[in-house]
């Protein structure tokens, strides 16, 4: 069994054809998915057929609980501790 230890969070990737000038605006497409390096690794390993567990923490909020359910649907055994903080997220801007 593979055991991953690390982060579980939400990834938001915003793609735009051009970066705006300071204070400007742009239109962007968004892709939202479960993320965090350890969680992503665990999911890909499970998809390849490995037995995988993830040790992580997430906020005891709607997002954190949804991310844990997503891991379980992917076949990852989750030992995620839900804490009294908000679940982390990463926003990547890609042009």
C-alpha atoms as a PDB file:
ATOM      1  CA  UNK A   1       0.000   0.000   0.000  1.00  0.00           C
ATOM      2  CA  UNK A   2       1.137   3.523  -0.814  1.00  0.00           C
ATOM      3  CA  UNK A   3       0.559   6.165   1.869  1.00  0.00           C
ATOM      4  CA  UNK A   4       0.705   9.825   0.881  1.00  0.00           C
ATOM      5  CA  UNK A   5       1.098  12.510   3.543  1.00  0.00           C
ATOM      6  CA  UNK A   6       0.383  16.131   2.750  1.00  0.00           C
ATOM      7  CA  UNK A   7      -2.133  18.643   1.592  1.00  0.00           C
ATOM      8  CA  UNK A   8      -5.714  18.397   0.389  1.00  0.00           C
ATOM      9  CA  UNK A   9      -7.157  21.567  -1.072  1.00  0.00           C
ATOM     10  CA  UNK A  10      -9.069  23.028  -3.995  1.00  0.00           C
ATOM     11  CA  UNK A  11      -7.229  24.046  -7.175  1.00  0.00           C
ATOM     12  CA  UNK A  12      -8.655  26.855  -9.290  1.00  0.00           C
ATOM     13  CA  UNK A  13      -6.915  27.442 -12.629  1.00  0.00           C
ATOM     14  CA  UNK A  14      -7.879  30.606 -14.519  1.00  0.00           C
ATOM     15  CA  UNK A  15      -6.831  30.778 -18.192  1.00  0.00           C
ATOM     16  CA  UNK A  16      -6.809  33.983 -20.212  1.00  0.00           C
ATOM     17  CA  UNK A  17      -5.426  34.976 -23.604  1.00  0.00           C
ATOM     18  CA  UNK A  18      -3.784  38.058 -22.124  1.00  0.00           C
ATOM     19  CA  UNK A  19      -2.842  39.381 -18.712  1.00  0.00           C
ATOM     20  CA  UNK A  20      -4.493  42.667 -17.828  1.00  0.00           C
ATOM     21  CA  UNK A  21      -2.565  45.811 -17.035  1.00  0.00           C
ATOM     22  CA  UNK A  22      -2.411  46.711 -13.350  1.00  0.00           C
ATOM     23  CA  UNK A  23      -5.935  47.440 -12.197  1.00  0.00           C
ATOM     24  CA  UNK A  24      -7.372  46.139 -15.475  1.00  0.00           C
ATOM     25  CA  UNK A  25      -9.756  43.302 -16.188  1.00  0.00           C
ATOM     26  CA  UNK A  26      -9.729  40.271 -18.427  1.00  0.00           C
ATOM     27  CA  UNK A  27     -12.015  37.394 -19.295  1.00  0.00           C
ATOM     28  CA  UNK A  28     -10.842  33.980 -18.142  1.00  0.00           C
ATOM     29  CA  UNK A  29     -12.006  30.399 -18.294  1.00  0.00           C
ATOM     30  CA  UNK A  30     -11.913  28.527 -14.997  1.00  0.00           C
ATOM     31  CA  UNK A  31     -11.141  24.904 -14.162  1.00  0.00           C
ATOM     32  CA  UNK A  32     -11.863  23.793 -10.592  1.00  0.00           C
ATOM     33  CA  UNK A  33     -10.680  20.462  -9.177  1.00  0.00           C
ATOM     34  CA  UNK A  34      -9.542  18.708  -6.047  1.00  0.00           C
ATOM     35  CA  UNK A  35      -5.884  19.412  -5.509  1.00  0.00           C
ATOM     36  CA  UNK A  36      -2.901  19.525  -3.260  1.00  0.00           C
ATOM     37  CA  UNK A  37       0.236  17.650  -4.251  1.00  0.00           C
ATOM     38  CA  UNK A  38      -0.269  14.669  -1.931  1.00  0.00           C
ATOM     39  CA  UNK A  39      -3.949  14.282  -2.803  1.00  0.00           C
ATOM     40  CA  UNK A  40      -3.277  14.576  -6.537  1.00  0.00           C
ATOM     41  CA  UNK A  41      -0.542  11.945  -6.288  1.00  0.00           C
ATOM     42  CA  UNK A  42      -2.842   9.623  -4.324  1.00  0.00           C
ATOM     43  CA  UNK A  43      -5.640   9.937  -6.886  1.00  0.00           C
ATOM     44  CA  UNK A  44      -3.357   9.253  -9.862  1.00  0.00           C
ATOM     45  CA  UNK A  45      -1.807   6.250  -8.116  1.00  0.00           C
ATOM     46  CA  UNK A  46      -5.288   4.878  -7.348  1.00  0.00           C
ATOM     47  CA  UNK A  47      -6.334   5.397 -10.969  1.00  0.00           C
ATOM     48  CA  UNK A  48      -3.319   3.315 -12.003  1.00  0.00           C
ATOM     49  CA  UNK A  49      -4.532   0.480  -9.769  1.00  0.00           C
ATOM     50  CA  UNK A  50      -2.484   0.978  -6.609  1.00  0.00           C
ATOM     51  CA  UNK A  51      -3.956   0.676  -3.131  1.00  0.00           C
ATOM     52  CA  UNK A  52      -3.495   4.180  -1.725  1.00  0.00           C
ATOM     53  CA  UNK A  53      -4.210   6.046   1.483  1.00  0.00           C
ATOM     54  CA  UNK A  54      -3.917   9.775   2.159  1.00  0.00           C
ATOM     55  CA  UNK A  55      -3.104  11.345   5.512  1.00  0.00           C
ATOM     56  CA  UNK A  56      -4.098  15.016   5.412  1.00  0.00           C
ATOM     57  CA  UNK A  57      -6.178  17.710   7.032  1.00  0.00           C
ATOM     58  CA  UNK A  58      -8.892  19.932   5.650  1.00  0.00           C
ATOM     59  CA  UNK A  59     -11.366  22.397   7.045  1.00  0.00           C
ATOM     60  CA  UNK A  60     -14.542  21.082   8.618  1.00  0.00           C
ATOM     61  CA  UNK A  61     -16.564  22.983   6.042  1.00  0.00           C
ATOM     62  CA  UNK A  62     -18.576  22.221   2.919  1.00  0.00           C
ATOM     63  CA  UNK A  63     -15.467  22.250   0.727  1.00  0.00           C
ATOM     64  CA  UNK A  64     -13.393  20.019   2.999  1.00  0.00           C
ATOM     65  CA  UNK A  65     -16.127  17.415   3.306  1.00  0.00           C
ATOM     66  CA  UNK A  66     -16.683  17.456  -0.481  1.00  0.00           C
ATOM     67  CA  UNK A  67     -12.966  16.929  -1.131  1.00  0.00           C
ATOM     68  CA  UNK A  68     -12.904  13.926   1.220  1.00  0.00           C
ATOM     69  CA  UNK A  69     -15.922  12.413  -0.580  1.00  0.00           C
ATOM     70  CA  UNK A  70     -14.148  12.981  -3.914  1.00  0.00           C
ATOM     71  CA  UNK A  71     -11.083  11.087  -2.660  1.00  0.00           C
ATOM     72  CA  UNK A  72     -13.250   8.181  -1.576  1.00  0.00           C
ATOM     73  CA  UNK A  73     -14.974   8.074  -4.995  1.00  0.00           C
ATOM     74  CA  UNK A  74     -11.510   7.884  -6.572  1.00  0.00           C
ATOM     75  CA  UNK A  75     -10.670   4.835  -4.437  1.00  0.00           C
ATOM     76  CA  UNK A  76      -8.286   6.600  -2.040  1.00  0.00           C
ATOM     77  CA  UNK A  77      -8.532   5.545   1.594  1.00  0.00           C
ATOM     78  CA  UNK A  78      -8.720   8.823   3.443  1.00  0.00           C
ATOM     79  CA  UNK A  79      -7.505   9.515   6.952  1.00  0.00           C
ATOM     80  CA  UNK A  80      -8.242  13.200   6.606  1.00  0.00           C
ATOM     81  CA  UNK A  81      -8.680  15.131   9.818  1.00  0.00           C
ATOM     82  CA  UNK A  82     -11.290  17.863   9.584  1.00  0.00           C
ATOM     83  CA  UNK A  83     -10.234  20.898  11.626  1.00  0.00           C
ATOM     84  CA  UNK A  84     -11.887  24.171  12.659  1.00  0.00           C
ATOM     85  CA  UNK A  85     -10.203  26.104   9.887  1.00  0.00           C
ATOM     86  CA  UNK A  86     -11.282  26.809   6.350  1.00  0.00           C
ATOM     87  CA  UNK A  87     -10.106  24.446   3.624  1.00  0.00           C
ATOM     88  CA  UNK A  88      -7.179  25.810   1.637  1.00  0.00           C
ATOM     89  CA  UNK A  89      -7.251  26.655  -2.019  1.00  0.00           C
ATOM     90  CA  UNK A  90      -4.771  27.518  -4.715  1.00  0.00           C
ATOM     91  CA  UNK A  91      -5.480  29.957  -7.539  1.00  0.00           C
ATOM     92  CA  UNK A  92      -3.239  29.742 -10.616  1.00  0.00           C
ATOM     93  CA  UNK A  93      -3.386  32.393 -13.335  1.00  0.00           C
ATOM     94  CA  UNK A  94      -2.310  31.063 -16.752  1.00  0.00           C
ATOM     95  CA  UNK A  95      -1.941  33.138 -19.915  1.00  0.00           C
END
